[in-house]
Amino acid sequence: MTQILLATAGIIILLMGIGHFVLTVRDIRKPTSFTPVDDSIRVAMRGAPLRFSRRLELWDAWLGFNLSHSMGPIIFGIALLYGAQHVAAFRESVFLQSAAVLIPAVYLAIAIRFWFRGPVLGISIVLLCVLGAVLL
């Protein structure tokens, strides 16, 4: 059961990360996902350099942030899938179990405060699966 719970959590968070990455890459050419509804704001972001690097505009920084942000869930998903294949090592390591719970718990707190319902739901399921895997 631990293996199934870790694999389920891993697949969910991995797909969330991949989805976020794909939508961001699409936004590079055709902004439709992580762009403001009011297009004039995106246009303003394109013309707004950042104070610490005047050559970097806010829109490019925003896209870069979203691309790099995608990597966390992708890497965590891969780690959970690896843990599902090595359940004995997962069960023996308090560090791995703690990290497996702490990471989605922090993501959930961030999601509740700053994101929308989809990530809250997905991350809640991931956290419940990981908690179940740890408690078994």
Protein backbone atom coordinates (compact mmCIF):
# COMPACT_ATOMS: atom_id res chain seq x y z
CA MET A 1 0.00 0.00 0.00
CA THR A 2 2.90 2.37 0.75
CA GLN A 3 4.18 1.85 -2.78
CA ILE A 4 0.78 2.66 -4.30
CA LEU A 5 0.37 5.81 -2.19
CA LEU A 6 3.86 7.10 -3.03
CA ALA A 7 3.40 6.33 -6.72
CA THR A 8 0.00 8.05 -6.77
CA ALA A 9 1.41 11.14 -5.06
CA GLY A 10 4.42 11.10 -7.39
CA ILE A 11 2.34 10.87 -10.54
CA ILE A 12 -0.03 13.65 -9.45
CA ILE A 13 2.69 16.17 -8.53
CA LEU A 14 4.80 15.20 -11.56
CA LEU A 15 1.87 15.83 -13.89
CA MET A 16 1.14 19.14 -12.16
CA GLY A 17 4.75 20.23 -12.69
CA ILE A 18 4.80 19.11 -16.32
CA GLY A 19 1.49 20.86 -16.96
CA HIS A 20 2.80 24.07 -15.43
CA PHE A 21 5.96 23.81 -17.55
CA VAL A 22 4.03 23.21 -20.79
CA LEU A 23 1.65 26.12 -20.16
CA THR A 24 4.58 28.42 -19.40
CA VAL A 25 6.47 27.40 -22.55
CA ARG A 26 3.31 28.07 -24.55
CA ASP A 27 3.09 31.52 -22.92
CA ILE A 28 6.50 32.40 -24.34
CA ARG A 29 5.01 32.44 -27.85
CA LYS A 30 1.32 32.97 -27.18
CA PRO A 31 0.50 34.29 -23.70
CA THR A 32 -2.75 32.63 -22.61
CA SER A 33 -2.23 30.96 -19.23
CA PHE A 34 -0.05 32.89 -16.79
CA THR A 35 -0.78 36.28 -18.26
CA PRO A 36 -3.03 38.97 -16.82
CA VAL A 37 -6.58 39.12 -18.21
CA ASP A 38 -5.97 42.78 -19.03
CA ASP A 39 -3.43 42.55 -21.88
CA SER A 40 -2.18 46.08 -21.23
CA ILE A 41 -0.65 44.82 -17.97
CA ARG A 42 1.42 42.21 -19.82
CA VAL A 43 2.49 44.88 -22.30
CA ALA A 44 3.52 47.07 -19.37
CA MET A 45 5.41 44.11 -17.85
CA ARG A 46 7.34 43.76 -21.13
CA GLY A 47 8.48 47.37 -20.85
CA ALA A 48 9.27 47.33 -17.13
CA PRO A 49 12.92 46.60 -16.30
CA LEU A 50 13.76 45.30 -12.83
CA ARG A 51 15.78 47.49 -10.47
CA PHE A 52 18.51 44.92 -9.87
CA SER A 53 18.96 44.16 -13.58
CA ARG A 54 17.82 46.85 -15.94
CA ARG A 55 18.25 44.57 -18.96
CA LEU A 56 15.68 42.09 -17.57
CA GLU A 57 12.03 42.98 -18.08
CA LEU A 58 9.33 41.89 -15.66
CA TRP A 59 7.54 39.68 -18.23
CA ASP A 60 10.70 37.68 -18.97
CA ALA A 61 11.42 37.37 -15.24
CA TRP A 62 7.83 36.17 -14.73
CA LEU A 63 8.19 33.50 -17.42
CA GLY A 64 11.56 32.41 -16.03
CA PHE A 65 10.12 32.17 -12.55
CA ASN A 66 7.27 30.00 -13.80
CA LEU A 67 9.63 27.74 -15.74
CA SER A 68 11.94 27.26 -12.76
CA HIS A 69 8.94 26.86 -10.44
CA SER A 70 7.81 23.93 -12.59
CA MET A 71 11.00 22.05 -11.80
CA GLY A 72 10.23 21.66 -8.07
CA PRO A 73 7.09 19.54 -8.55
CA ILE A 74 8.75 17.61 -11.39
CA ILE A 75 11.79 16.72 -9.27
CA PHE A 76 9.64 15.96 -6.21
CA GLY A 77 7.37 13.74 -8.30
CA ILE A 78 10.37 11.81 -9.62
CA ALA A 79 11.69 11.46 -6.06
CA LEU A 80 8.34 10.06 -4.85
CA LEU A 81 8.25 7.60 -7.75
CA TYR A 82 11.79 6.55 -6.85
CA GLY A 83 10.65 6.12 -3.23
CA ALA A 84 7.76 3.96 -4.44
CA GLN A 85 10.32 1.65 -6.03
CA HIS A 86 12.47 1.58 -2.87
CA VAL A 87 9.88 1.36 -0.11
CA ALA A 88 12.26 -0.28 2.39
CA ALA A 89 14.70 2.64 2.15
CA PHE A 90 11.80 5.10 2.47
CA ARG A 91 10.48 3.35 5.59
CA GLU A 92 13.92 3.29 7.23
CA SER A 93 14.69 6.98 6.70
CA VAL A 94 13.09 9.53 9.00
CA PHE A 95 14.71 12.21 6.83
CA LEU A 96 13.03 10.96 3.63
CA GLN A 97 9.67 10.58 5.34
CA SER A 98 9.93 14.04 6.89
CA ALA A 99 10.90 15.64 3.59
CA ALA A 100 8.12 13.78 1.79
CA VAL A 101 5.58 15.29 4.19
CA LEU A 102 7.15 18.72 4.64
CA ILE A 103 7.45 19.56 0.93
CA PRO A 104 3.76 19.13 0.02
CA ALA A 105 2.73 20.69 3.34
CA VAL A 106 4.67 23.86 2.47
CA TYR A 107 3.36 23.80 -1.11
CA LEU A 108 -0.18 23.48 0.29
CA ALA A 109 0.27 26.47 2.59
CA ILE A 110 1.55 28.53 -0.35
CA ALA A 111 -1.25 27.26 -2.61
CA ILE A 112 -3.96 28.16 -0.10
CA ARG A 113 -2.61 31.70 0.25
CA PHE A 114 -1.50 32.54 -3.29
CA TRP A 115 -2.85 30.12 -5.89
CA PHE A 116 -6.20 28.83 -7.14
CA ARG A 117 -8.31 25.76 -6.32
CA GLY A 118 -6.70 23.31 -8.76
CA PRO A 119 -3.27 23.31 -7.12
CA VAL A 120 -4.85 23.28 -3.65
CA LEU A 121 -6.81 20.15 -4.53
CA GLY A 122 -3.91 18.39 -6.25
CA ILE A 123 -1.42 19.16 -3.50
CA SER A 124 -3.95 18.15 -0.81
CA ILE A 125 -4.27 14.74 -2.43
CA VAL A 126 -0.48 14.43 -2.68
CA LEU A 127 -0.09 15.34 0.99
CA LEU A 128 -2.77 12.83 2.06
CA CYS A 129 -1.13 10.08 0.01
CA VAL A 130 2.31 10.81 1.48
CA LEU A 131 0.92 10.97 5.01
CA GLY A 132 -0.77 7.63 4.41
CA ALA A 133 2.51 6.16 3.13
CA VAL A 134 4.40 7.43 6.19
CA LEU A 135 1.81 6.22 8.68
CA LEU A 136 1.57 2.69 7.23
